[in-house]
Amino acid sequence: MIVNEQYKLLGRKVEDLRQKEDFYPTPRYVTEALLNNFQFEGKIWEPACGDGRLSEVLLEYYTDVESSDLVDRGYGQGGVDFLNSNKTAPNIITNPPFHLAYEFIEQGLKLSEKCLALLLPIRYLTGKKRAKLYAEFPPAKVIVIPNKVDFLGFGSPAMEFAWFVWEKGVKQTTITWADVKDADLKEKRKKNA
């Protein structure tokens, strides 16, 4: 990747490019990709709600959504550490901080009573450590976002993502591709309106 090489030449780390506290708000169409391809029953907990973008879309589809975050960004309950929580919920849906994604998988599997849905880099389909976890706890559904996700609106997204959905009692994984072919165009139209 050219950006990586440029940063190495400058004596900086690629981590310097990361958003503070891994804050990458979920675009509306990404949340809709999940909700158009999977139905949840019961209460939903969004434990890394950030500024509420994912939660607000969830509330359009479901009435019982609780939002919290370790960092108080003015939405939901701040100061709630999901990774150290003992609280359970029927459904947990979130876009976790990328550097803690594996920990969110492990904790979410413990705390979700029915379903866990996490937005993760597509590369989370691979890796020895994850393969071992998936052998015991395979996701029920992987919903691929077919275009790279532009979280910050800079117009040059770098990574592919998918929703990984674990459903209690389901041991077979189904992969589906979300229909978001016009997502970038729709977002640009909204910004220009």
N, C-alpha and C. Protein backbone atom coordinates (compact mmCIF):
# COMPACT_ATOMS: atom_id res chain seq x y z
N MET A 1 0.85 -1.18 0.00
CA MET A 1 0.00 0.00 0.00
C MET A 1 0.89 1.24 0.00
N ILE A 2 0.63 2.16 -0.88
CA ILE A 2 1.48 3.34 -1.04
C ILE A 2 1.51 4.18 0.22
N VAL A 3 0.36 4.36 0.86
CA VAL A 3 0.31 5.17 2.08
C VAL A 3 1.24 4.61 3.13
N ASN A 4 1.27 3.28 3.30
CA ASN A 4 2.16 2.65 4.28
C ASN A 4 3.61 2.99 3.97
N GLU A 5 4.00 2.85 2.70
CA GLU A 5 5.38 3.12 2.31
C GLU A 5 5.74 4.59 2.51
N GLN A 6 4.82 5.49 2.20
CA GLN A 6 5.07 6.91 2.39
C GLN A 6 5.28 7.23 3.87
N TYR A 7 4.47 6.63 4.72
CA TYR A 7 4.61 6.87 6.15
C TYR A 7 5.92 6.32 6.67
N LYS A 8 6.34 5.15 6.17
CA LYS A 8 7.63 4.59 6.59
C LYS A 8 8.76 5.53 6.23
N LEU A 9 8.71 6.12 5.04
CA LEU A 9 9.74 7.05 4.60
C LEU A 9 9.79 8.29 5.49
N LEU A 10 8.66 8.69 6.01
CA LEU A 10 8.60 9.86 6.89
C LEU A 10 8.94 9.51 8.34
N GLY A 11 9.17 8.22 8.60
CA GLY A 11 9.50 7.80 9.96
C GLY A 11 8.29 7.76 10.87
N ARG A 12 7.10 7.64 10.29
CA ARG A 12 5.88 7.57 11.10
C ARG A 12 5.27 6.20 10.98
N LYS A 13 4.37 5.90 11.88
CA LYS A 13 3.67 4.61 11.88
C LYS A 13 2.31 4.77 11.21
N VAL A 14 1.86 3.70 10.59
CA VAL A 14 0.54 3.72 9.96
C VAL A 14 -0.53 3.97 11.02
N GLU A 15 -0.29 3.57 12.26
CA GLU A 15 -1.26 3.78 13.32
C GLU A 15 -1.56 5.26 13.50
N ASP A 16 -0.60 6.13 13.09
CA ASP A 16 -0.83 7.57 13.20
C ASP A 16 -2.02 8.01 12.36
N LEU A 17 -2.37 7.22 11.36
CA LEU A 17 -3.51 7.54 10.50
C LEU A 17 -4.84 7.22 11.16
N ARG A 18 -4.83 6.41 12.19
CA ARG A 18 -6.08 5.94 12.81
C ARG A 18 -6.80 7.08 13.52
N GLN A 19 -8.12 6.99 13.53
CA GLN A 19 -8.95 7.94 14.26
C GLN A 19 -8.76 7.71 15.76
N LYS A 20 -8.84 8.78 16.53
CA LYS A 20 -8.72 8.69 17.97
C LYS A 20 -9.77 7.73 18.51
N GLU A 21 -9.36 6.80 19.35
CA GLU A 21 -10.21 5.79 19.98
C GLU A 21 -10.96 4.94 18.95
N ASP A 22 -10.38 4.81 17.75
CA ASP A 22 -10.98 4.01 16.68
C ASP A 22 -12.43 4.41 16.39
N PHE A 23 -12.67 5.71 16.35
CA PHE A 23 -14.03 6.21 16.10
C PHE A 23 -14.27 6.31 14.60
N TYR A 24 -14.99 5.33 14.08
CA TYR A 24 -15.37 5.29 12.67
C TYR A 24 -16.89 5.09 12.61
N PRO A 25 -17.65 6.19 12.53
CA PRO A 25 -19.12 6.08 12.54
C PRO A 25 -19.65 5.25 11.37
N THR A 26 -20.66 4.47 11.64
CA THR A 26 -21.23 3.55 10.65
C THR A 26 -22.15 4.30 9.69
N PRO A 27 -21.83 4.28 8.40
CA PRO A 27 -22.73 4.91 7.43
C PRO A 27 -24.09 4.21 7.42
N ARG A 28 -25.12 4.97 7.17
CA ARG A 28 -26.49 4.46 7.17
C ARG A 28 -26.66 3.22 6.29
N TYR A 29 -26.14 3.26 5.07
CA TYR A 29 -26.35 2.14 4.15
C TYR A 29 -25.72 0.85 4.66
N VAL A 30 -24.68 0.96 5.48
CA VAL A 30 -24.03 -0.23 6.03
C VAL A 30 -24.94 -0.88 7.08
N THR A 31 -25.56 -0.06 7.92
CA THR A 31 -26.52 -0.59 8.89
C THR A 31 -27.72 -1.20 8.17
N GLU A 32 -28.20 -0.52 7.14
CA GLU A 32 -29.33 -1.04 6.37
C GLU A 32 -28.99 -2.36 5.69
N ALA A 33 -27.72 -2.53 5.30
CA ALA A 33 -27.30 -3.80 4.69
C ALA A 33 -27.52 -4.96 5.67
N LEU A 34 -27.25 -4.72 6.94
CA LEU A 34 -27.50 -5.74 7.97
C LEU A 34 -29.00 -5.97 8.12
N LEU A 35 -29.75 -4.90 8.31
CA LEU A 35 -31.16 -5.01 8.64
C LEU A 35 -32.01 -5.52 7.47
N ASN A 36 -31.54 -5.35 6.26
CA ASN A 36 -32.24 -5.87 5.09
C ASN A 36 -31.93 -7.35 4.84
N ASN A 37 -30.95 -7.89 5.57
CA ASN A 37 -30.54 -9.27 5.35
C ASN A 37 -30.64 -10.15 6.59
N PHE A 38 -31.09 -9.58 7.71
CA PHE A 38 -31.22 -10.37 8.93
C PHE A 38 -32.27 -9.72 9.82
N GLN A 39 -33.13 -10.53 10.43
CA GLN A 39 -34.14 -10.00 11.34
C GLN A 39 -33.83 -10.43 12.77
N PHE A 40 -33.96 -9.48 13.67
CA PHE A 40 -33.70 -9.72 15.09
C PHE A 40 -35.03 -9.75 15.84
N GLU A 41 -35.05 -10.51 16.93
CA GLU A 41 -36.22 -10.56 17.81
C GLU A 41 -35.78 -10.17 19.21
N GLY A 42 -36.48 -9.23 19.80
CA GLY A 42 -36.17 -8.81 21.16
C GLY A 42 -35.30 -7.58 21.21
N LYS A 43 -34.93 -7.24 22.44
CA LYS A 43 -34.13 -6.05 22.72
C LYS A 43 -32.77 -6.11 22.03
N ILE A 44 -32.27 -4.93 21.65
CA ILE A 44 -30.96 -4.80 21.02
C ILE A 44 -30.10 -3.88 21.88
N TRP A 45 -28.88 -4.29 22.12
CA TRP A 45 -27.89 -3.44 22.81
C TRP A 45 -26.81 -3.07 21.80
N GLU A 46 -26.56 -1.78 21.66
CA GLU A 46 -25.47 -1.27 20.83
C GLU A 46 -24.41 -0.75 21.79
N PRO A 47 -23.35 -1.54 22.10
CA PRO A 47 -22.42 -1.20 23.17
C PRO A 47 -21.22 -0.32 22.78
N ALA A 48 -21.14 0.08 21.52
CA ALA A 48 -20.08 0.99 21.07
C ALA A 48 -20.74 2.02 20.16
N CYS A 49 -21.73 2.74 20.73
CA CYS A 49 -22.64 3.55 19.93
C CYS A 49 -22.04 4.83 19.36
N GLY A 50 -20.90 5.27 19.85
CA GLY A 50 -20.31 6.49 19.31
C GLY A 50 -21.27 7.65 19.34
N ASP A 51 -21.50 8.26 18.17
CA ASP A 51 -22.40 9.40 18.10
C ASP A 51 -23.84 8.99 17.74
N GLY A 52 -24.10 7.69 17.72
CA GLY A 52 -25.46 7.20 17.57
C GLY A 52 -25.91 6.91 16.15
N ARG A 53 -25.04 6.97 15.18
CA ARG A 53 -25.47 6.77 13.79
C ARG A 53 -26.06 5.38 13.56
N LEU A 54 -25.41 4.34 14.07
CA LEU A 54 -25.94 2.98 13.92
C LEU A 54 -27.23 2.84 14.73
N SER A 55 -27.23 3.32 15.95
CA SER A 55 -28.41 3.22 16.83
C SER A 55 -29.63 3.90 16.24
N GLU A 56 -29.45 5.05 15.63
CA GLU A 56 -30.58 5.78 15.07
C GLU A 56 -31.24 4.99 13.94
N VAL A 57 -30.46 4.30 13.13
CA VAL A 57 -31.04 3.46 12.08
C VAL A 57 -31.73 2.25 12.71
N LEU A 58 -31.11 1.65 13.72
CA LEU A 58 -31.74 0.53 14.42
C LEU A 58 -33.12 0.92 14.95
N LEU A 59 -33.22 2.13 15.49
CA LEU A 59 -34.49 2.60 16.06
C LEU A 59 -35.58 2.79 15.01
N GLU A 60 -35.19 2.93 13.78
CA GLU A 60 -36.19 3.02 12.70
C GLU A 60 -36.82 1.65 12.41
N TYR A 61 -36.12 0.58 12.78
CA TYR A 61 -36.58 -0.78 12.51
C TYR A 61 -37.10 -1.48 13.77
N TYR A 62 -36.53 -1.12 14.94
CA TYR A 62 -36.84 -1.79 16.20
C TYR A 62 -37.10 -0.75 17.28
N THR A 63 -37.99 -1.07 18.22
CA THR A 63 -38.36 -0.08 19.24
C THR A 63 -37.50 -0.16 20.50
N ASP A 64 -36.93 -1.32 20.79
CA ASP A 64 -36.21 -1.49 22.04
C ASP A 64 -34.70 -1.59 21.78
N VAL A 65 -34.05 -0.42 21.72
CA VAL A 65 -32.62 -0.35 21.45
C VAL A 65 -31.95 0.43 22.57
N GLU A 66 -30.97 -0.19 23.21
CA GLU A 66 -30.19 0.48 24.25
C GLU A 66 -28.82 0.80 23.68
N SER A 67 -28.36 2.02 23.92
CA SER A 67 -27.07 2.46 23.38
C SER A 67 -26.14 2.89 24.50
N SER A 68 -24.89 2.44 24.40
CA SER A 68 -23.87 2.82 25.37
C SER A 68 -22.51 2.83 24.70
N ASP A 69 -21.54 3.39 25.38
CA ASP A 69 -20.18 3.45 24.86
C ASP A 69 -19.22 3.73 26.01
N LEU A 70 -18.01 3.29 25.87
CA LEU A 70 -16.98 3.60 26.86
C LEU A 70 -16.71 5.10 26.86
N VAL A 71 -16.67 5.69 25.66
CA VAL A 71 -16.40 7.11 25.50
C VAL A 71 -17.74 7.84 25.35
N ASP A 72 -17.92 8.90 26.11
CA ASP A 72 -19.17 9.67 26.02
C ASP A 72 -19.07 10.64 24.84
N ARG A 73 -19.84 10.37 23.81
CA ARG A 73 -19.88 11.25 22.63
C ARG A 73 -21.22 11.97 22.53
N GLY A 74 -21.94 12.02 23.67
CA GLY A 74 -23.19 12.74 23.70
C GLY A 74 -24.38 11.94 23.23
N TYR A 75 -24.21 10.63 23.07
CA TYR A 75 -25.32 9.78 22.66
C TYR A 75 -25.29 8.52 23.52
N GLY A 76 -26.44 8.08 23.97
CA GLY A 76 -26.50 6.87 24.80
C GLY A 76 -25.84 7.11 26.15
N GLN A 77 -25.56 6.02 26.84
CA GLN A 77 -24.93 6.09 28.15
C GLN A 77 -23.42 5.97 28.00
N GLY A 78 -22.70 6.99 28.40
CA GLY A 78 -21.24 6.98 28.34
C GLY A 78 -20.63 6.28 29.55
N GLY A 79 -19.38 5.89 29.44
CA GLY A 79 -18.67 5.27 30.54
C GLY A 79 -18.97 3.80 30.75
N VAL A 80 -19.62 3.15 29.79
CA VAL A 80 -19.96 1.73 29.91
C VAL A 80 -18.91 0.91 29.16
N ASP A 81 -18.15 0.11 29.90
CA ASP A 81 -17.08 -0.71 29.32
C ASP A 81 -17.63 -2.09 28.96
N PHE A 82 -17.96 -2.27 27.71
CA PHE A 82 -18.52 -3.53 27.22
C PHE A 82 -17.62 -4.72 27.55
N LEU A 83 -16.33 -4.54 27.40
CA LEU A 83 -15.40 -5.66 27.58
C LEU A 83 -15.30 -6.12 29.03
N ASN A 84 -15.75 -5.30 29.96
CA ASN A 84 -15.74 -5.68 31.38
C ASN A 84 -17.14 -5.80 31.95
N SER A 85 -18.13 -5.88 31.08
CA SER A 85 -19.52 -5.95 31.52
C SER A 85 -19.96 -7.40 31.75
N ASN A 86 -20.91 -7.58 32.64
CA ASN A 86 -21.55 -8.88 32.85
C ASN A 86 -23.00 -8.86 32.38
N LYS A 87 -23.42 -7.73 31.84
CA LYS A 87 -24.80 -7.54 31.42
C LYS A 87 -25.06 -8.32 30.13
N THR A 88 -26.19 -9.00 30.10
CA THR A 88 -26.57 -9.73 28.89
C THR A 88 -27.68 -8.99 28.16
N ALA A 89 -27.88 -9.36 26.90
CA ALA A 89 -28.95 -8.79 26.09
C ALA A 89 -29.34 -9.83 25.05
N PRO A 90 -30.60 -9.84 24.63
CA PRO A 90 -30.98 -10.79 23.59
C PRO A 90 -30.12 -10.64 22.32
N ASN A 91 -29.93 -9.38 21.90
CA ASN A 91 -29.16 -9.11 20.68
C ASN A 91 -28.15 -8.01 20.94
N ILE A 92 -26.95 -8.20 20.43
CA ILE A 92 -25.91 -7.18 20.51
C ILE A 92 -25.49 -6.88 19.07
N ILE A 93 -25.57 -5.61 18.71
CA ILE A 93 -25.20 -5.17 17.36
C ILE A 93 -24.28 -3.97 17.51
N THR A 94 -23.09 -4.04 16.87
CA THR A 94 -22.19 -2.90 16.96
C THR A 94 -21.12 -2.93 15.88
N ASN A 95 -20.52 -1.78 15.69
CA ASN A 95 -19.32 -1.59 14.89
C ASN A 95 -18.21 -1.38 15.92
N PRO A 96 -17.50 -2.45 16.30
CA PRO A 96 -16.54 -2.33 17.41
C PRO A 96 -15.28 -1.57 17.01
N PRO A 97 -14.56 -1.04 18.01
CA PRO A 97 -13.25 -0.47 17.70
C PRO A 97 -12.40 -1.56 17.03
N PHE A 98 -11.81 -1.26 15.89
CA PHE A 98 -11.13 -2.29 15.10
C PHE A 98 -10.01 -2.98 15.87
N HIS A 99 -9.29 -2.22 16.70
CA HIS A 99 -8.17 -2.82 17.42
C HIS A 99 -8.64 -3.75 18.56
N LEU A 100 -9.94 -3.73 18.86
CA LEU A 100 -10.50 -4.61 19.90
C LEU A 100 -11.54 -5.57 19.33
N ALA A 101 -11.57 -5.74 18.04
CA ALA A 101 -12.62 -6.53 17.39
C ALA A 101 -12.66 -7.97 17.91
N TYR A 102 -11.52 -8.62 18.04
CA TYR A 102 -11.51 -10.00 18.51
C TYR A 102 -12.08 -10.10 19.93
N GLU A 103 -11.69 -9.15 20.78
CA GLU A 103 -12.19 -9.13 22.15
C GLU A 103 -13.71 -8.90 22.16
N PHE A 104 -14.20 -8.07 21.23
CA PHE A 104 -15.64 -7.85 21.13
C PHE A 104 -16.36 -9.12 20.70
N ILE A 105 -15.75 -9.90 19.81
CA ILE A 105 -16.35 -11.18 19.41
C ILE A 105 -16.49 -12.08 20.63
N GLU A 106 -15.38 -12.27 21.36
CA GLU A 106 -15.40 -13.16 22.52
C GLU A 106 -16.42 -12.71 23.57
N GLN A 107 -16.41 -11.43 23.89
CA GLN A 107 -17.32 -10.91 24.92
C GLN A 107 -18.77 -10.94 24.42
N GLY A 108 -18.98 -10.59 23.16
CA GLY A 108 -20.32 -10.60 22.59
C GLY A 108 -20.93 -11.98 22.57
N LEU A 109 -20.11 -13.00 22.30
CA LEU A 109 -20.61 -14.37 22.32
C LEU A 109 -21.06 -14.78 23.73
N LYS A 110 -20.39 -14.25 24.75
CA LYS A 110 -20.78 -14.54 26.14
C LYS A 110 -22.05 -13.80 26.55
N LEU A 111 -22.18 -12.55 26.09
CA LEU A 111 -23.25 -11.69 26.60
C LEU A 111 -24.53 -11.69 25.76
N SER A 112 -24.45 -12.13 24.52
CA SER A 112 -25.66 -12.14 23.69
C SER A 112 -26.44 -13.42 23.94
N GLU A 113 -27.74 -13.27 24.15
CA GLU A 113 -28.60 -14.42 24.42
C GLU A 113 -29.10 -15.07 23.14
N LYS A 114 -29.29 -14.28 22.09
CA LYS A 114 -29.78 -14.80 20.81
C LYS A 114 -28.80 -14.56 19.67
N CYS A 115 -28.49 -13.28 19.43
CA CYS A 115 -27.66 -12.93 18.27
C CYS A 115 -26.60 -11.90 18.62
N LEU A 116 -25.48 -12.01 17.94
CA LEU A 116 -24.40 -11.03 17.98
C LEU A 116 -24.10 -10.65 16.55
N ALA A 117 -24.13 -9.36 16.25
CA ALA A 117 -23.79 -8.88 14.91
C ALA A 117 -22.72 -7.81 15.02
N LEU A 118 -21.58 -8.08 14.39
CA LEU A 118 -20.46 -7.15 14.42
C LEU A 118 -20.03 -6.78 13.01
N LEU A 119 -19.79 -5.50 12.78
CA LEU A 119 -19.23 -5.04 11.52
C LEU A 119 -17.71 -5.18 11.63
N LEU A 120 -17.15 -6.05 10.77
CA LEU A 120 -15.73 -6.37 10.86
C LEU A 120 -15.08 -6.30 9.48
N PRO A 121 -13.78 -6.04 9.45
CA PRO A 121 -13.06 -6.12 8.17
C PRO A 121 -13.23 -7.51 7.57
N ILE A 122 -13.37 -7.59 6.28
CA ILE A 122 -13.59 -8.87 5.59
C ILE A 122 -12.45 -9.85 5.88
N ARG A 123 -11.28 -9.32 6.19
CA ARG A 123 -10.13 -10.19 6.51
C ARG A 123 -10.39 -11.02 7.76
N TYR A 124 -11.44 -10.70 8.51
CA TYR A 124 -11.78 -11.50 9.68
C TYR A 124 -12.32 -12.88 9.33
N LEU A 125 -12.44 -13.17 8.04
CA LEU A 125 -12.75 -14.53 7.61
C LEU A 125 -11.53 -15.43 7.72
N THR A 126 -10.35 -14.83 7.84
CA THR A 126 -9.10 -15.59 7.87
C THR A 126 -8.37 -15.38 9.19
N GLY A 127 -7.31 -16.13 9.37
CA GLY A 127 -6.48 -16.02 10.56
C GLY A 127 -6.60 -17.26 11.43
N LYS A 128 -5.46 -17.76 11.91
CA LYS A 128 -5.44 -19.00 12.71
C LYS A 128 -6.25 -18.88 13.99
N LYS A 129 -6.06 -17.77 14.70
CA LYS A 129 -6.76 -17.58 15.97
C LYS A 129 -8.28 -17.51 15.74
N ARG A 130 -8.68 -16.76 14.72
CA ARG A 130 -10.12 -16.66 14.42
C ARG A 130 -10.66 -17.99 13.90
N ALA A 131 -9.88 -18.71 13.09
CA ALA A 131 -10.33 -20.00 12.57
C ALA A 131 -10.64 -20.96 13.71
N LYS A 132 -9.81 -20.94 14.74
CA LYS A 132 -10.05 -21.79 15.90
C LYS A 132 -11.35 -21.40 16.60
N LEU A 133 -11.57 -20.10 16.75
CA LEU A 133 -12.81 -19.61 17.36
C LEU A 133 -14.01 -19.99 16.50
N TYR A 134 -13.92 -19.78 15.19
CA TYR A 134 -15.03 -20.07 14.29
C TYR A 134 -15.34 -21.57 14.22
N ALA A 135 -14.35 -22.41 14.44
CA ALA A 135 -14.61 -23.86 14.45
C ALA A 135 -15.57 -24.21 15.58
N GLU A 136 -15.44 -23.50 16.70
CA GLU A 136 -16.34 -23.74 17.83
C GLU A 136 -17.61 -22.88 17.75
N PHE A 137 -17.45 -21.64 17.30
CA PHE A 137 -18.57 -20.69 17.22
C PHE A 137 -18.63 -20.07 15.83
N PRO A 138 -19.11 -20.80 14.84
CA PRO A 138 -19.16 -20.23 13.49
C PRO A 138 -20.25 -19.17 13.38
N PRO A 139 -20.00 -18.10 12.64
CA PRO A 139 -21.07 -17.14 12.42
C PRO A 139 -22.19 -17.82 11.63
N ALA A 140 -23.44 -17.48 11.93
CA ALA A 140 -24.57 -18.03 11.19
C ALA A 140 -24.67 -17.39 9.81
N LYS A 141 -24.29 -16.12 9.75
CA LYS A 141 -24.39 -15.39 8.49
C LYS A 141 -23.27 -14.37 8.38
N VAL A 142 -22.72 -14.25 7.20
CA VAL A 142 -21.76 -13.20 6.88
C VAL A 142 -22.37 -12.40 5.75
N ILE A 143 -22.61 -11.11 6.00
CA ILE A 143 -23.24 -10.24 5.02
C ILE A 143 -22.15 -9.31 4.47
N VAL A 144 -21.72 -9.58 3.27
CA VAL A 144 -20.62 -8.84 2.66
C VAL A 144 -21.12 -7.50 2.12
N ILE A 145 -20.42 -6.44 2.48
CA ILE A 145 -20.68 -5.12 1.90
C ILE A 145 -19.83 -5.08 0.62
N PRO A 146 -20.45 -5.05 -0.56
CA PRO A 146 -19.67 -5.24 -1.79
C PRO A 146 -18.75 -4.08 -2.19
N ASN A 147 -18.92 -2.93 -1.58
CA ASN A 147 -18.00 -1.83 -1.88
C ASN A 147 -17.22 -1.48 -0.62
N LYS A 148 -16.05 -0.87 -0.78
CA LYS A 148 -15.28 -0.44 0.38
C LYS A 148 -16.08 0.61 1.13
N VAL A 149 -15.96 0.60 2.46
CA VAL A 149 -16.76 1.49 3.29
C VAL A 149 -15.97 2.76 3.60
N ASP A 150 -16.58 3.89 3.25
CA ASP A 150 -15.97 5.21 3.49
C ASP A 150 -16.55 5.78 4.78
N PHE A 151 -15.99 5.39 5.90
CA PHE A 151 -16.51 5.80 7.20
C PHE A 151 -16.44 7.30 7.43
N LEU A 152 -15.38 7.92 6.94
CA LEU A 152 -15.14 9.33 7.25
C LEU A 152 -15.52 10.29 6.14
N GLY A 153 -15.99 9.76 5.00
CA GLY A 153 -16.42 10.61 3.91
C GLY A 153 -15.30 11.29 3.15
N PHE A 154 -14.10 10.71 3.19
CA PHE A 154 -12.98 11.31 2.47
C PHE A 154 -12.95 10.91 1.00
N GLY A 155 -13.75 9.92 0.63
CA GLY A 155 -13.82 9.52 -0.76
C GLY A 155 -12.77 8.53 -1.20
N SER A 156 -11.96 8.03 -0.30
CA SER A 156 -10.93 7.06 -0.68
C SER A 156 -10.86 5.93 0.34
N PRO A 157 -11.94 5.14 0.47
CA PRO A 157 -11.92 4.06 1.47
C PRO A 157 -10.89 3.00 1.12
N ALA A 158 -10.35 2.37 2.16
CA ALA A 158 -9.25 1.43 1.95
C ALA A 158 -9.60 -0.02 2.25
N MET A 159 -10.72 -0.26 2.95
CA MET A 159 -10.97 -1.62 3.41
C MET A 159 -12.37 -2.10 3.08
N GLU A 160 -12.47 -3.43 2.92
CA GLU A 160 -13.75 -4.08 2.72
C GLU A 160 -14.26 -4.60 4.06
N PHE A 161 -15.59 -4.61 4.22
CA PHE A 161 -16.20 -5.02 5.48
C PHE A 161 -17.36 -5.97 5.24
N ALA A 162 -17.74 -6.65 6.32
CA ALA A 162 -18.91 -7.52 6.30
C ALA A 162 -19.52 -7.51 7.70
N TRP A 163 -20.81 -7.79 7.75
CA TRP A 163 -21.47 -8.04 9.03
C TRP A 163 -21.31 -9.52 9.34
N PHE A 164 -20.78 -9.83 10.49
CA PHE A 164 -20.66 -11.21 10.98
C PHE A 164 -21.76 -11.37 12.02
N VAL A 165 -22.68 -12.31 11.78
CA VAL A 165 -23.82 -12.50 12.66
C VAL A 165 -23.77 -13.91 13.26
N TRP A 166 -23.68 -13.98 14.57
CA TRP A 166 -23.74 -15.26 15.28
C TRP A 166 -25.15 -15.40 15.83
N GLU A 167 -25.74 -16.57 15.62
CA GLU A 167 -27.08 -16.86 16.11
C GLU A 167 -27.00 -18.14 16.93
N LYS A 168 -27.44 -18.06 18.18
CA LYS A 168 -27.36 -19.22 19.08
C LYS A 168 -28.01 -20.44 18.44
N GLY A 169 -27.30 -21.55 18.48
CA GLY A 169 -27.81 -22.81 17.97
C GLY A 169 -27.58 -23.04 16.48
N VAL A 170 -27.11 -22.05 15.75
CA VAL A 170 -26.86 -22.21 14.32
C VAL A 170 -25.37 -22.47 14.12
N LYS A 171 -25.04 -23.60 13.51
CA LYS A 171 -23.64 -24.00 13.34
C LYS A 171 -23.19 -23.99 11.88
N GLN A 172 -24.05 -23.54 10.99
CA GLN A 172 -23.74 -23.50 9.56
C GLN A 172 -23.65 -22.03 9.14
N THR A 173 -22.64 -21.65 8.39
CA THR A 173 -22.47 -20.27 7.95
C THR A 173 -23.01 -20.08 6.54
N THR A 174 -23.82 -19.05 6.38
CA THR A 174 -24.32 -18.63 5.08
C THR A 174 -23.67 -17.29 4.75
N ILE A 175 -23.17 -17.16 3.54
CA ILE A 175 -22.58 -15.90 3.09
C ILE A 175 -23.53 -15.29 2.07
N THR A 176 -23.82 -14.01 2.26
CA THR A 176 -24.67 -13.29 1.31
C THR A 176 -24.04 -11.94 1.02
N TRP A 177 -24.39 -11.38 -0.12
CA TRP A 177 -23.86 -10.08 -0.52
C TRP A 177 -24.98 -9.06 -0.45
N ALA A 178 -24.76 -8.00 0.31
CA ALA A 178 -25.77 -6.95 0.44
C ALA A 178 -25.89 -6.20 -0.88
N ASP A 179 -27.06 -5.68 -1.14
CA ASP A 179 -27.31 -4.89 -2.34
C ASP A 179 -27.11 -3.42 -2.00
N VAL A 180 -25.89 -2.95 -2.14
CA VAL A 180 -25.58 -1.55 -1.83
C VAL A 180 -24.85 -0.90 -3.01
N LYS A 181 -25.14 -1.32 -4.21
CA LYS A 181 -24.40 -0.83 -5.37
C LYS A 181 -24.51 0.68 -5.57
N ASP A 182 -25.63 1.27 -5.12
CA ASP A 182 -25.80 2.70 -5.30
C ASP A 182 -25.48 3.50 -4.04
N ALA A 183 -24.90 2.87 -3.04
CA ALA A 183 -24.69 3.53 -1.75
C ALA A 183 -23.83 4.78 -1.87
N ASP A 184 -22.71 4.68 -2.58
CA ASP A 184 -21.82 5.83 -2.69
C ASP A 184 -22.53 7.00 -3.37
N LEU A 185 -23.25 6.73 -4.42
CA LEU A 185 -23.96 7.76 -5.14
C LEU A 185 -25.01 8.42 -4.26
N LYS A 186 -25.76 7.60 -3.50
CA LYS A 186 -26.80 8.14 -2.61
C LYS A 186 -26.18 9.05 -1.55
N GLU A 187 -25.05 8.63 -0.97
CA GLU A 187 -24.40 9.43 0.06
C GLU A 187 -23.92 10.76 -0.52
N LYS A 188 -23.35 10.74 -1.72
CA LYS A 188 -22.87 11.97 -2.35
C LYS A 188 -24.04 12.91 -2.65
N ARG A 189 -25.16 12.36 -3.08
CA ARG A 189 -26.35 13.20 -3.36
C ARG A 189 -26.83 13.87 -2.08
N LYS A 190 -26.83 13.12 -0.97
CA LYS A 190 -27.28 13.70 0.30
C LYS A 190 -26.38 14.87 0.71
N LYS A 191 -25.07 14.69 0.54
CA LYS A 191 -24.12 15.74 0.92
C LYS A 191 -24.29 16.99 0.06
N ASN A 192 -24.59 16.80 -1.20
CA ASN A 192 -24.72 17.92 -2.12
C ASN A 192 -26.09 18.59 -2.07
N ALA A 193 -27.05 17.95 -1.40
CA ALA A 193 -28.42 18.50 -1.35
C ALA A 193 -28.54 19.64 -0.36
